[in-house]
Amino acid sequence: MPPGELSPPPYTSGVADVPADSTSSLLVSSFEDKTIRRAFVRKVFSVVTLQLLVTFSVVCLFTFSATVKTAVQGNIWIYLSSYIIFVVVAICLSFSSSFSRKHPWNLLGLAVVTLTLSYMVGTVASYHNTTAVAIAMGTTMVVCFAIIIFSAQTRVDFTVCNGTLLILSVILLMFGFFCCFFYSSVLQIVYGCLGALLYSVFLAVDCQLVMGRQKYSLSPEEYVFASLILYLDIITIFLYLLILLGGSSSN
């Protein structure tokens, strides 16, 4: 089975996975100052847009450049090192409160995470068919835009579903683990569909936390953390759509 197939996402985002030291940023939504909240939302989505531009630019480089694509496929350590670098960075930043709470270190940490994850996603994409990667990027943008609009308009409160989403994410993780030993194209399609669906719900939850329209919301001071969880949700949806589309390329 070629690398890049049925690879479970390296990070599970969503409020269900917020570390213990971050729970203070999750508040009962008062939404008293709409001006502050609107400024917070604009800042968060501006940062997320910049992150996605960087990531998908790197993905395009690894996908559409035949030289880079051949180099990655010809050296498995380029692929493995991308995972190792991202995991090391994620662990280091998770144990450093300065990088998640203090300016400008929080911005530096966000930039490092974005670059390392972009590198990892780029190497994964290089093992897939160019057409499949392009379709996955386009589908991700359309789906995520629709979810964001839906989250802003609906009266359904997704922020109370945290426990259920955590259980479902564990089940999905176990399902992906067993799929590695019993690989088939049908399991790949099912796994990709379930993963994309689950993280679409995560994205809806996190969008409502950012917008502060429901019972719970994020503090306006946590714009870096808010940008990070939305970014991770979107990238994870993209990875699952790649799994769904399949078609690892040998070219």
Protein backbone atom coordinates (compact mmCIF):
# COMPACT_ATOMS: atom_id res chain seq x y z
CA MET A 1 0.00 0.00 0.00
CA PRO A 2 1.64 3.27 -1.09
CA PRO A 3 2.31 5.96 1.48
CA GLY A 4 -0.40 8.58 1.56
CA GLU A 5 -3.24 6.03 1.31
CA LEU A 6 -5.45 5.65 4.33
CA SER A 7 -3.20 7.88 6.41
CA PRO A 8 -5.19 9.06 9.43
CA PRO A 9 -4.87 12.79 9.98
CA PRO A 10 -1.99 13.69 12.29
CA TYR A 11 -4.03 16.00 14.42
CA THR A 12 -7.60 15.84 15.68
CA SER A 13 -8.97 19.34 15.97
CA GLY A 14 -12.25 20.68 17.25
CA VAL A 15 -13.25 21.85 20.69
CA ALA A 16 -13.51 18.27 21.88
CA ASP A 17 -9.71 18.12 21.76
CA VAL A 18 -8.91 21.41 23.45
CA PRO A 19 -6.09 20.86 25.97
CA ALA A 20 -6.82 21.28 29.66
CA ASP A 21 -4.90 24.54 29.85
CA SER A 22 -7.03 25.99 27.03
CA THR A 23 -10.44 25.46 28.61
CA SER A 24 -10.29 28.92 30.11
CA SER A 25 -10.76 30.32 26.60
CA LEU A 26 -14.11 28.53 26.24
CA LEU A 27 -16.75 30.79 27.74
CA VAL A 28 -20.48 30.92 28.03
CA SER A 29 -21.33 33.28 25.19
CA SER A 30 -22.35 36.73 26.39
CA PHE A 31 -21.98 38.40 22.99
CA GLU A 32 -22.43 41.79 24.63
CA ASP A 33 -20.07 43.74 22.42
CA LYS A 34 -20.86 42.87 18.80
CA THR A 35 -18.19 45.23 17.49
CA ILE A 36 -15.44 43.32 19.31
CA ARG A 37 -16.86 39.99 18.17
CA ARG A 38 -17.05 41.10 14.52
CA ALA A 39 -13.47 42.35 14.64
CA PHE A 40 -12.43 39.04 16.20
CA VAL A 41 -14.21 37.05 13.45
CA ARG A 42 -12.61 39.14 10.69
CA LYS A 43 -9.17 38.71 12.21
CA VAL A 44 -9.59 34.94 12.58
CA PHE A 45 -10.80 34.34 9.04
CA SER A 46 -8.11 36.62 7.62
CA VAL A 47 -5.42 34.55 9.35
CA VAL A 48 -7.04 31.27 8.25
CA THR A 49 -7.20 32.50 4.65
CA LEU A 50 -3.50 33.34 4.73
CA GLN A 51 -2.70 29.92 6.20
CA LEU A 52 -4.70 28.14 3.50
CA LEU A 53 -3.00 30.15 0.75
CA VAL A 54 0.39 29.04 2.06
CA THR A 55 -0.65 25.40 2.46
CA PHE A 56 -2.34 25.00 -0.90
CA SER A 57 0.55 26.79 -2.62
CA VAL A 58 2.88 24.17 -1.18
CA VAL A 59 0.44 21.41 -2.20
CA CYS A 60 0.42 22.75 -5.76
CA LEU A 61 4.22 22.76 -5.78
CA PHE A 62 4.39 19.12 -4.67
CA THR A 63 1.60 18.09 -7.03
CA PHE A 64 2.17 19.99 -10.27
CA SER A 65 5.97 20.04 -10.25
CA ALA A 66 7.17 16.79 -11.81
CA THR A 67 10.66 17.29 -10.37
CA VAL A 68 9.46 17.68 -6.78
CA LYS A 69 6.91 14.89 -7.15
CA THR A 70 9.54 12.46 -8.48
CA ALA A 71 11.98 13.42 -5.71
CA VAL A 72 9.40 12.72 -2.98
CA GLN A 73 8.27 9.42 -4.49
CA GLY A 74 11.87 8.35 -5.00
CA ASN A 75 12.89 9.01 -1.39
CA ILE A 76 10.56 7.66 1.31
CA TRP A 77 12.45 9.62 3.97
CA ILE A 78 11.19 12.91 2.54
CA TYR A 79 7.68 11.64 3.17
CA LEU A 80 8.43 10.23 6.65
CA SER A 81 10.42 13.28 7.74
CA SER A 82 7.40 15.52 7.08
CA TYR A 83 5.40 13.56 9.66
CA ILE A 84 8.29 13.51 12.14
CA ILE A 85 8.89 17.26 11.87
CA PHE A 86 5.21 18.09 12.32
CA VAL A 87 4.80 15.77 15.32
CA VAL A 88 7.92 17.17 17.02
CA VAL A 89 6.76 20.77 16.45
CA ALA A 90 3.23 19.99 17.67
CA ILE A 91 4.54 18.33 20.85
CA CYS A 92 6.98 21.15 21.60
CA LEU A 93 4.35 23.86 21.13
CA SER A 94 1.75 21.98 23.19
CA PHE A 95 4.10 22.07 26.19
CA SER A 96 4.97 25.75 25.78
CA SER A 97 2.35 28.17 27.06
CA SER A 98 4.37 31.12 25.73
CA PHE A 99 3.84 30.03 22.15
CA SER A 100 0.09 29.66 22.58
CA ARG A 101 -0.70 32.66 24.78
CA LYS A 102 1.92 35.42 24.49
CA HIS A 103 2.41 37.83 21.61
CA PRO A 104 4.41 37.61 19.36
CA TRP A 105 5.35 34.03 20.22
CA ASN A 106 1.83 32.82 19.50
CA LEU A 107 2.10 34.16 15.94
CA LEU A 108 5.51 32.55 15.54
CA GLY A 109 4.13 29.23 16.76
CA LEU A 110 1.19 29.51 14.36
CA ALA A 111 3.56 30.19 11.46
CA VAL A 112 5.74 27.20 12.35
CA VAL A 113 2.72 24.89 12.57
CA THR A 114 1.41 26.17 9.24
CA LEU A 115 4.73 25.62 7.46
CA THR A 116 5.37 22.16 8.89
CA LEU A 117 1.81 20.99 8.21
CA SER A 118 1.99 22.44 4.69
CA TYR A 119 5.13 20.40 4.10
CA MET A 120 3.46 17.25 5.39
CA VAL A 121 0.27 17.74 3.36
CA GLY A 122 2.37 18.49 0.28
CA THR A 123 4.25 15.19 0.55
CA VAL A 124 0.98 13.31 1.02
CA ALA A 125 -0.52 15.00 -2.05
CA SER A 126 2.52 14.11 -4.15
CA TYR A 127 1.54 10.42 -3.94
CA HIS A 128 -1.89 11.14 -5.43
CA ASN A 129 -3.09 11.75 -8.94
CA THR A 130 -2.84 15.42 -9.94
CA THR A 131 -6.49 15.54 -10.97
CA ALA A 132 -7.58 14.00 -7.65
CA VAL A 133 -5.62 16.64 -5.71
CA ALA A 134 -7.13 19.48 -7.73
CA ILE A 135 -10.65 18.10 -7.22
CA ALA A 136 -10.00 17.64 -3.49
CA MET A 137 -8.82 21.26 -3.12
CA GLY A 138 -11.81 22.63 -5.00
CA THR A 139 -14.26 20.44 -3.10
CA THR A 140 -12.70 21.40 0.23
CA MET A 141 -13.11 25.10 -0.49
CA VAL A 142 -16.74 24.73 -1.58
CA VAL A 143 -17.70 22.45 1.33
CA CYS A 144 -15.97 24.60 3.96
CA PHE A 145 -17.46 27.82 2.59
CA ALA A 146 -20.94 26.25 2.71
CA ILE A 147 -20.38 25.04 6.30
CA ILE A 148 -19.21 28.47 7.44
CA ILE A 149 -22.27 30.16 5.91
CA PHE A 150 -24.55 27.48 7.39
CA SER A 151 -22.97 27.85 10.85
CA ALA A 152 -23.49 31.60 10.76
CA GLN A 153 -27.17 31.33 9.82
CA THR A 154 -28.54 28.24 11.57
CA ARG A 155 -30.18 28.28 14.98
CA VAL A 156 -28.94 24.76 15.72
CA ASP A 157 -26.33 24.85 18.48
CA PHE A 158 -23.50 22.51 17.48
CA THR A 159 -21.30 23.62 20.40
CA VAL A 160 -23.13 21.28 22.79
CA CYS A 161 -22.08 18.20 20.77
CA ASN A 162 -18.52 18.06 22.06
CA GLY A 163 -18.76 14.74 23.91
CA THR A 164 -20.46 12.97 21.02
CA LEU A 165 -17.87 14.23 18.54
CA LEU A 166 -15.03 13.05 20.76
CA ILE A 167 -16.49 9.53 20.88
CA LEU A 168 -17.03 9.50 17.11
CA SER A 169 -13.47 10.67 16.48
CA VAL A 170 -12.08 7.80 18.60
CA ILE A 171 -14.26 5.32 16.70
CA LEU A 172 -13.05 6.75 13.39
CA LEU A 173 -9.45 6.49 14.55
CA MET A 174 -9.90 2.80 15.39
CA PHE A 175 -11.66 2.20 12.09
CA GLY A 176 -8.75 3.76 10.23
CA PHE A 177 -6.30 1.59 12.21
CA PHE A 178 -8.08 -1.61 11.17
CA CYS A 179 -8.34 -0.40 7.57
CA CYS A 180 -4.54 -0.42 7.43
CA PHE A 181 -4.60 -4.21 7.92
CA PHE A 182 -7.68 -4.97 5.81
CA TYR A 183 -7.22 -2.58 2.92
CA SER A 184 -9.75 -2.40 0.10
CA SER A 185 -11.04 0.33 -2.17
CA VAL A 186 -14.49 0.08 -0.55
CA LEU A 187 -13.07 0.60 2.94
CA GLN A 188 -11.05 3.53 1.62
CA ILE A 189 -14.18 5.20 0.25
CA VAL A 190 -16.15 4.57 3.46
CA TYR A 191 -13.30 5.80 5.65
CA GLY A 192 -12.85 8.95 3.57
CA CYS A 193 -16.59 9.71 3.60
CA LEU A 194 -16.92 9.23 7.36
CA GLY A 195 -13.82 11.30 8.10
CA ALA A 196 -14.84 14.18 5.87
CA LEU A 197 -18.34 14.15 7.37
CA LEU A 198 -17.11 14.07 10.97
CA TYR A 199 -14.65 16.92 10.51
CA SER A 200 -17.26 18.94 8.66
CA VAL A 201 -19.26 18.81 11.90
CA PHE A 202 -16.10 19.78 13.82
CA LEU A 203 -15.74 22.77 11.51
CA ALA A 204 -19.36 23.78 12.15
CA VAL A 205 -18.75 23.58 15.92
CA ASP A 206 -15.56 25.62 15.76
CA CYS A 207 -17.14 28.23 13.48
CA GLN A 208 -19.91 28.76 16.02
CA LEU A 209 -17.35 29.04 18.81
CA VAL A 210 -15.59 31.76 16.84
CA MET A 211 -18.77 33.61 15.92
CA GLY A 212 -20.15 33.45 19.46
CA ARG A 213 -23.79 33.08 18.43
CA GLN A 214 -24.52 29.99 20.49
CA LYS A 215 -24.21 28.90 24.13
CA TYR A 216 -20.41 28.69 24.12
CA SER A 217 -17.82 30.88 22.43
CA LEU A 218 -14.10 31.57 22.35
CA SER A 219 -12.63 34.61 24.03
CA PRO A 220 -11.83 37.44 21.57
CA GLU A 221 -8.26 37.33 22.89
CA GLU A 222 -7.81 33.80 21.53
CA TYR A 223 -7.70 34.68 17.83
CA VAL A 224 -4.52 32.65 17.23
CA PHE A 225 -6.01 29.54 18.85
CA ALA A 226 -9.28 30.08 16.95
CA SER A 227 -7.41 30.40 13.65
CA LEU A 228 -5.48 27.24 14.37
CA ILE A 229 -8.49 25.02 15.06
CA LEU A 230 -10.37 26.24 11.97
CA TYR A 231 -7.27 25.74 9.83
CA LEU A 232 -6.73 22.21 11.15
CA ASP A 233 -10.37 21.33 10.54
CA ILE A 234 -10.16 22.44 6.90
CA ILE A 235 -6.86 20.68 6.23
CA THR A 236 -8.17 17.47 7.80
CA ILE A 237 -11.25 17.60 5.56
CA PHE A 238 -8.91 17.98 2.58
CA LEU A 239 -6.89 14.92 3.65
CA TYR A 240 -10.01 12.79 4.03
CA LEU A 241 -11.26 13.92 0.62
CA LEU A 242 -7.91 12.78 -0.80
CA ILE A 243 -8.47 9.40 0.80
CA LEU A 244 -11.97 9.31 -0.64
CA LEU A 245 -10.81 10.15 -4.14
CA GLY A 246 -7.90 7.77 -3.83
CA GLY A 247 -5.96 7.09 -6.99
CA SER A 248 -2.34 7.16 -5.82
CA SER A 249 -0.17 8.19 -8.69
CA SER A 250 2.94 6.32 -9.74
CA ASN A 251 3.89 9.14 -12.09
